[in-house]
Amino acid sequence: MKALVVEKPYTASVKEVPYPKPGADEVTIKVENIGICGTDIHIFQGEFLSPYPIIPGHEFSGTIYEVGENVQDFEIGERVTADPSLFCGHCEFCLTNRGNQCENWGAIGNTVDGSMAEYVKVPSGNVVTIPDAMSFGEAAFIEPMACVVHGMNRLNLQVGNKVILFGAGAMGQQLIQSIKMAGASELVVVDLSQDKLDMAFEWGATKGVLSENIQSELRDYSNGFDVVIDATGIPKVIEQAFQYMGKTATYLQFGVTPKEATVPLDTFKLYNDDWTILGTMAINHTFLPAFEWVKNGRIDLKHIISKEISLEETIDFLKGPRNPDDLKVQIKL
């Protein structure tokens, strides 16, 4: 089968690799759509936890192509998506509902071969059947939505909170809808792109601010915000974001940063202003809640898909430069 393989950092090619035949309790999915995530770019650049060589791709949808021994819940041709999480199920963290911190953590496309290929092998327990009304593009978007659901669970947003969000990309746009639904009284969004800010305002932001104008535009917020969220993963943006923490504020690091990145922190304010600082890593049993949210129309993802590209075009996309106005780019097989 044809697959995109990252041989080592900054080196990738599309080539023929062995077909992933399913073992017991596994299915092989014929891939239709694959979302390109910031984590995939970090893998290409050698900034994540992945081994090499690896086939990336953890956001995907397709149809059941082959079922392994003991699999009885799925039929050939069934339209599906899948949670890429590979939790061991028996370590301390798995047994205390912290699977995303599993001592043996793995994920399809992150630690084992993923979906940037014609076929991908998946544990049958991770697979979810999608309704006919849900497109393959939307179904490939469930995994990032599950990351948002986990982040929202971590944040425990209070009705009436004032929120500032840095980053109005694909993940930011999902957060915007989720934060609105959770009851924020204000949602200020900061980004480099006016087009992204316009979309943010349409879908739930109360104010959009271009990064270059942040000092002048936020003069009225001298007391800061109740909640500060970074969805960029850029250290310089994160350092700036802490400046907008109000007293008793909560900070959520949602964007994936380079592995060795650090930022300075005013530890006296952390103590004196009663700050809470949270991280949110991937998915923690939130794939099904995200699926239900999207299936029932509570969150709309269609408008966030900017374009579809081929597997071969993906190599140049990973190398960059990328269009700053793009939101979610998906691979279509």
Protein backbone atom coordinates (compact mmCIF):
# COMPACT_ATOMS: atom_id res chain seq x y z
CA MET A 1 0.00 0.00 0.00
CA LYS A 2 0.99 3.63 -0.41
CA ALA A 3 1.94 5.60 2.72
CA LEU A 4 3.70 8.76 3.81
CA VAL A 5 6.68 7.75 5.94
CA VAL A 6 8.75 10.13 8.08
CA GLU A 7 12.14 8.40 8.05
CA LYS A 8 13.77 10.91 10.42
CA PRO A 9 13.24 14.59 11.28
CA TYR A 10 12.72 16.69 8.14
CA THR A 11 12.89 13.61 5.88
CA ALA A 12 9.68 12.09 4.48
CA SER A 13 8.54 10.30 1.35
CA VAL A 14 5.49 8.60 -0.10
CA LYS A 15 6.31 4.96 -0.81
CA GLU A 16 5.00 1.40 -0.84
CA VAL A 17 4.86 -0.31 2.58
CA PRO A 18 3.30 -3.60 3.77
CA TYR A 19 -0.47 -3.77 4.20
CA PRO A 20 -1.42 -3.74 7.93
CA LYS A 21 -3.31 -7.00 8.33
CA PRO A 22 -5.51 -6.99 11.45
CA GLY A 23 -4.75 -9.33 14.32
CA ALA A 24 -7.17 -10.61 16.96
CA ASP A 25 -9.57 -7.89 18.15
CA GLU A 26 -8.37 -5.50 15.43
CA VAL A 27 -9.79 -4.09 12.20
CA THR A 28 -8.11 -2.59 9.17
CA ILE A 29 -9.70 0.61 7.89
CA LYS A 30 -9.53 1.82 4.30
CA VAL A 31 -8.71 5.47 4.90
CA GLU A 32 -10.77 8.27 3.33
CA ASN A 33 -9.80 11.50 5.13
CA ILE A 34 -6.87 12.38 7.39
CA GLY A 35 -6.60 15.62 9.31
CA ILE A 36 -3.16 17.21 9.53
CA CYS A 37 -2.46 18.22 13.12
CA GLY A 38 0.16 20.47 14.63
CA THR A 39 1.50 17.34 16.30
CA ASP A 40 2.17 15.85 12.85
CA ILE A 41 4.31 18.89 12.07
CA HIS A 42 6.15 18.47 15.38
CA ILE A 43 6.78 14.80 14.47
CA PHE A 44 8.14 15.84 11.06
CA GLN A 45 10.41 18.36 12.78
CA GLY A 46 11.62 15.92 15.45
CA GLU A 47 9.92 17.80 18.30
CA PHE A 48 7.63 15.06 19.64
CA LEU A 49 7.88 11.65 21.30
CA SER A 50 7.65 9.58 18.13
CA PRO A 51 10.09 6.87 17.02
CA TYR A 52 11.39 6.82 13.44
CA PRO A 53 10.54 5.71 10.85
CA ILE A 54 6.83 6.28 11.38
CA ILE A 55 3.64 6.80 9.36
CA PRO A 56 1.96 9.78 11.07
CA GLY A 57 -1.75 10.58 11.12
CA HIS A 58 -4.07 10.22 14.12
CA GLU A 59 -7.18 12.09 12.87
CA PHE A 60 -8.93 9.89 10.32
CA SER A 61 -12.06 8.28 8.94
CA GLY A 62 -12.82 5.56 6.42
CA THR A 63 -14.54 2.23 5.93
CA ILE A 64 -13.95 -1.19 7.46
CA TYR A 65 -11.82 -3.18 5.00
CA GLU A 66 -10.96 -6.31 7.01
CA VAL A 67 -11.77 -7.61 10.48
CA GLY A 68 -9.53 -9.75 12.65
CA GLU A 69 -10.34 -12.73 14.81
CA ASN A 70 -12.98 -12.20 17.55
CA VAL A 71 -14.35 -9.00 15.95
CA GLN A 72 -18.13 -9.26 15.67
CA ASP A 73 -19.35 -5.67 15.97
CA PHE A 74 -18.28 -4.37 12.56
CA GLU A 75 -19.00 -5.29 8.95
CA ILE A 76 -16.95 -4.77 5.80
CA GLY A 77 -17.77 -1.39 4.25
CA GLU A 78 -19.07 0.18 7.46
CA ARG A 79 -18.30 3.93 7.71
CA VAL A 80 -16.18 4.65 10.78
CA THR A 81 -13.76 6.83 12.67
CA ALA A 82 -11.52 5.80 15.57
CA ASP A 83 -9.96 6.99 18.80
CA PRO A 84 -6.17 6.76 18.24
CA SER A 85 -5.43 6.32 21.96
CA LEU A 86 -3.51 3.22 22.99
CA PHE A 87 -3.77 2.97 26.77
CA CYS A 88 -2.45 -0.14 28.53
CA GLY A 89 -5.50 -0.33 30.82
CA HIS A 90 -3.69 -1.73 33.86
CA CYS A 91 -1.20 0.88 35.14
CA GLU A 92 -1.94 3.22 38.06
CA PHE A 93 -3.01 6.05 35.78
CA CYS A 94 -5.30 3.95 33.58
CA LEU A 95 -6.96 2.50 36.67
CA THR A 96 -7.66 5.97 38.07
CA ASN A 97 -9.25 7.47 34.92
CA ARG A 98 -6.04 9.19 33.78
CA GLY A 99 -5.41 7.12 30.65
CA ASN A 100 -3.77 9.99 28.79
CA GLN A 101 -0.98 9.78 31.38
CA CYS A 102 -0.65 6.00 30.93
CA GLU A 103 2.80 4.69 31.90
CA ASN A 104 2.82 2.85 28.58
CA TRP A 105 1.09 5.59 26.60
CA GLY A 106 0.82 5.18 22.88
CA ALA A 107 -1.29 6.48 20.02
CA ILE A 108 -1.88 5.55 16.41
CA GLY A 109 0.19 7.91 14.28
CA ASN A 110 2.26 9.07 17.25
CA THR A 111 4.02 5.98 18.59
CA VAL A 112 2.88 3.36 16.04
CA ASP A 113 2.10 3.68 12.34
CA GLY A 114 -0.91 5.85 11.62
CA SER A 115 -3.39 6.86 8.98
CA MET A 116 -1.39 8.80 6.37
CA ALA A 117 -1.70 5.67 4.28
CA GLU A 118 -4.25 3.78 2.24
CA TYR A 119 -4.98 1.49 5.20
CA VAL A 120 -4.52 1.66 8.97
CA LYS A 121 -4.84 -1.05 11.64
CA VAL A 122 -6.87 -0.16 14.76
CA PRO A 123 -8.08 -1.97 17.91
CA SER A 124 -11.75 -2.72 17.32
CA GLY A 125 -12.67 -1.23 20.70
CA ASN A 126 -11.48 2.17 19.50
CA VAL A 127 -13.74 2.24 16.43
CA VAL A 128 -16.96 4.26 16.22
CA THR A 129 -19.57 3.89 13.46
CA ILE A 130 -20.56 7.22 11.91
CA PRO A 131 -24.03 8.08 10.59
CA ASP A 132 -24.67 8.56 6.87
CA ALA A 133 -25.32 12.26 7.48
CA MET A 134 -21.77 12.76 8.80
CA SER A 135 -19.15 13.33 6.10
CA PHE A 136 -15.75 11.64 6.19
CA GLY A 137 -14.25 15.10 6.65
CA GLU A 138 -16.29 15.75 9.80
CA ALA A 139 -15.59 12.24 11.09
CA ALA A 140 -11.84 12.81 10.74
CA PHE A 141 -12.35 15.87 12.94
CA ILE A 142 -13.67 13.96 15.97
CA GLU A 143 -10.21 13.33 17.44
CA PRO A 144 -9.27 17.02 17.74
CA MET A 145 -12.74 17.71 19.11
CA ALA A 146 -12.07 15.04 21.74
CA CYS A 147 -8.94 16.98 22.72
CA VAL A 148 -11.12 20.07 23.15
CA VAL A 149 -13.60 18.15 25.31
CA HIS A 150 -10.75 16.98 27.55
CA GLY A 151 -9.46 20.55 27.79
CA MET A 152 -12.90 21.84 28.69
CA ASN A 153 -13.25 19.15 31.36
CA ARG A 154 -9.89 20.21 32.81
CA LEU A 155 -10.85 23.88 32.71
CA ASN A 156 -14.23 23.49 34.43
CA LEU A 157 -15.31 26.88 33.10
CA GLN A 158 -17.75 28.81 35.27
CA VAL A 159 -20.78 30.55 33.78
CA GLY A 160 -20.00 34.26 33.46
CA ASN A 161 -16.20 33.87 33.27
CA LYS A 162 -14.27 36.38 31.16
CA VAL A 163 -11.98 34.47 28.79
CA ILE A 164 -9.11 35.39 26.49
CA LEU A 165 -7.96 32.87 23.90
CA PHE A 166 -4.69 33.13 21.99
CA GLY A 167 -4.93 31.43 18.60
CA ALA A 168 -7.91 31.24 16.24
CA GLY A 169 -6.72 28.33 14.12
CA ALA A 170 -8.58 25.06 13.75
CA MET A 171 -8.29 24.14 17.43
CA GLY A 172 -9.05 27.68 18.50
CA GLN A 173 -12.23 27.71 16.41
CA GLN A 174 -13.44 24.55 18.14
CA LEU A 175 -12.61 26.03 21.53
CA ILE A 176 -14.55 29.18 20.65
CA GLN A 177 -17.78 27.26 20.08
CA SER A 178 -17.19 25.16 23.20
CA ILE A 179 -16.42 28.14 25.44
CA LYS A 180 -19.54 29.92 24.21
CA MET A 181 -21.66 26.87 24.98
CA ALA A 182 -20.10 26.59 28.43
CA GLY A 183 -21.36 30.08 29.33
CA ALA A 184 -18.48 32.56 29.15
CA SER A 185 -19.71 36.14 29.46
CA GLU A 186 -16.86 37.51 27.32
CA LEU A 187 -14.53 35.74 24.92
CA VAL A 188 -11.70 37.82 23.51
CA VAL A 189 -9.72 36.07 20.75
CA VAL A 190 -6.22 37.12 19.64
CA ASP A 191 -4.68 36.08 16.32
CA LEU A 192 -2.50 37.27 13.43
CA SER A 193 -5.24 36.78 10.83
CA GLN A 194 -8.24 39.08 10.46
CA ASP A 195 -10.10 36.38 8.51
CA LYS A 196 -9.74 33.98 11.43
CA LEU A 197 -10.88 36.67 13.85
CA ASP A 198 -13.93 37.36 11.68
CA MET A 199 -14.81 33.66 11.84
CA ALA A 200 -14.21 33.65 15.58
CA PHE A 201 -16.66 36.53 16.03
CA GLU A 202 -19.25 34.77 13.86
CA TRP A 203 -19.09 31.60 15.98
CA GLY A 204 -18.96 32.94 19.52
CA ALA A 205 -16.17 35.44 20.25
CA THR A 206 -17.27 38.78 21.67
CA LYS A 207 -14.13 40.58 20.50
CA GLY A 208 -11.34 39.84 18.02
CA VAL A 209 -7.91 41.43 18.41
CA LEU A 210 -5.05 41.39 15.94
CA SER A 211 -1.81 40.45 17.71
CA GLU A 212 -0.14 43.68 16.59
CA ASN A 213 -2.86 45.75 18.28
CA ILE A 214 -3.14 43.85 21.56
CA GLN A 215 -1.71 46.56 23.82
CA SER A 216 -4.06 49.27 22.61
CA GLU A 217 -7.14 47.06 22.15
CA LEU A 218 -7.04 45.56 25.67
CA ARG A 219 -6.47 48.72 27.74
CA ASP A 220 -9.92 48.36 29.30
CA TYR A 221 -9.01 44.95 30.75
CA SER A 222 -6.63 46.23 33.44
CA ASN A 223 -7.95 43.65 35.92
CA GLY A 224 -7.19 40.84 33.52
CA PHE A 225 -9.31 37.80 32.68
CA ASP A 226 -10.73 34.92 34.67
CA VAL A 227 -9.46 32.40 32.14
CA VAL A 228 -6.47 32.60 29.78
CA ILE A 229 -5.99 29.91 27.12
CA ASP A 230 -3.14 29.39 24.68
CA ALA A 231 -3.97 27.40 21.56
CA THR A 232 -0.82 28.33 19.62
CA GLY A 233 1.95 26.41 21.38
CA ILE A 234 4.32 29.29 20.59
CA PRO A 235 6.55 30.14 23.60
CA LYS A 236 6.59 33.90 22.89
CA VAL A 237 2.78 33.95 22.75
CA ILE A 238 2.53 31.93 25.96
CA GLU A 239 4.84 34.36 27.77
CA GLN A 240 2.61 37.25 26.63
CA ALA A 241 -0.57 35.40 27.62
CA PHE A 242 0.41 35.30 31.30
CA GLN A 243 0.28 39.10 31.33
CA TYR A 244 -3.52 38.90 31.04
CA MET A 245 -4.10 36.72 34.09
CA GLY A 246 -6.40 38.39 36.62
CA LYS A 247 -6.57 37.58 40.31
CA THR A 248 -7.64 33.94 40.93
CA ALA A 249 -7.36 33.34 37.17
CA THR A 250 -6.94 29.95 35.52
CA TYR A 251 -4.46 29.39 32.71
CA LEU A 252 -4.89 26.49 30.28
CA GLN A 253 -2.02 25.36 28.03
CA PHE A 254 -3.88 23.77 25.13
CA GLY A 255 -1.45 24.25 22.23
CA VAL A 256 1.33 21.69 21.81
CA THR A 257 4.72 23.31 22.31
CA PRO A 258 8.15 22.12 21.14
CA LYS A 259 9.42 19.49 23.58
CA GLU A 260 12.22 21.62 25.07
CA ALA A 261 10.35 24.94 25.18
CA THR A 262 10.29 27.02 28.38
CA VAL A 263 8.89 30.43 29.35
CA PRO A 264 9.59 32.72 32.36
CA LEU A 265 6.86 32.91 35.01
CA ASP A 266 6.25 35.50 37.73
CA THR A 267 6.11 33.07 40.65
CA PHE A 268 5.15 35.79 43.15
CA LYS A 269 1.99 36.49 41.15
CA LEU A 270 1.36 32.76 40.91
CA TYR A 271 1.35 32.70 44.71
CA ASN A 272 -0.10 36.10 45.52
CA ASP A 273 -2.89 36.16 42.92
CA ASP A 274 -4.07 32.60 43.54
CA TRP A 275 -3.45 31.46 39.98
CA THR A 276 -4.27 28.00 38.71
CA ILE A 277 -2.15 26.62 35.86
CA LEU A 278 -3.41 23.64 33.86
CA GLY A 279 -2.15 21.50 31.03
CA THR A 280 -4.31 19.35 28.81
CA MET A 281 -2.71 16.44 27.00
CA ALA A 282 -4.56 14.78 24.10
CA ILE A 283 -7.63 12.68 24.90
CA ASN A 284 -8.81 11.13 28.15
CA HIS A 285 -11.82 8.94 27.36
CA THR A 286 -13.43 11.90 25.59
CA PHE A 287 -13.75 10.53 22.05
CA LEU A 288 -17.35 9.36 22.44
CA PRO A 289 -18.56 12.60 24.12
CA ALA A 290 -16.94 14.57 21.27
CA PHE A 291 -18.58 12.30 18.70
CA GLU A 292 -21.99 12.83 20.29
CA TRP A 293 -21.47 16.60 20.43
CA VAL A 294 -20.72 16.72 16.70
CA LYS A 295 -23.31 14.12 15.66
CA ASN A 296 -26.09 16.06 17.37
CA GLY A 297 -25.10 19.39 15.85
CA ARG A 298 -23.94 21.08 19.04
CA ILE A 299 -20.56 21.84 17.46
CA ASP A 300 -20.14 22.61 13.75
CA LEU A 301 -16.89 21.57 12.09
CA LYS A 302 -17.62 21.81 8.36
CA HIS A 303 -16.64 25.47 8.00
CA ILE A 304 -13.26 24.87 9.70
CA ILE A 305 -12.01 22.54 6.95
CA SER A 306 -10.02 24.85 4.67
CA LYS A 307 -9.02 22.43 1.92
CA GLU A 308 -8.12 18.87 0.98
CA ILE A 309 -4.75 17.85 -0.44
CA SER A 310 -3.18 14.64 -1.72
CA LEU A 311 -0.77 12.41 0.17
CA GLU A 312 2.04 13.57 -2.12
CA GLU A 313 1.23 17.26 -1.52
CA THR A 314 1.43 16.66 2.23
CA ILE A 315 5.23 16.52 2.21
CA ASP A 316 5.50 20.12 0.99
CA PHE A 317 2.79 21.12 3.46
CA LEU A 318 4.82 19.66 6.35
CA LYS A 319 7.96 21.41 5.12
CA GLY A 320 6.19 24.75 4.91
CA PRO A 321 5.74 27.61 4.64
CA ARG A 322 2.01 27.22 5.26
CA ASN A 323 -0.77 29.67 4.49
CA PRO A 324 -1.49 31.49 7.79
CA ASP A 325 -5.16 31.81 6.81
CA ASP A 326 -5.64 28.04 6.54
CA LEU A 327 -7.58 26.32 9.31
CA LYS A 328 -7.89 22.53 9.12
CA VAL A 329 -6.17 20.96 6.11
CA GLN A 330 -7.09 17.35 5.43
CA ILE A 331 -5.61 14.68 3.17
CA LYS A 332 -8.12 13.03 0.85
CA LEU A 333 -7.38 9.52 -0.43
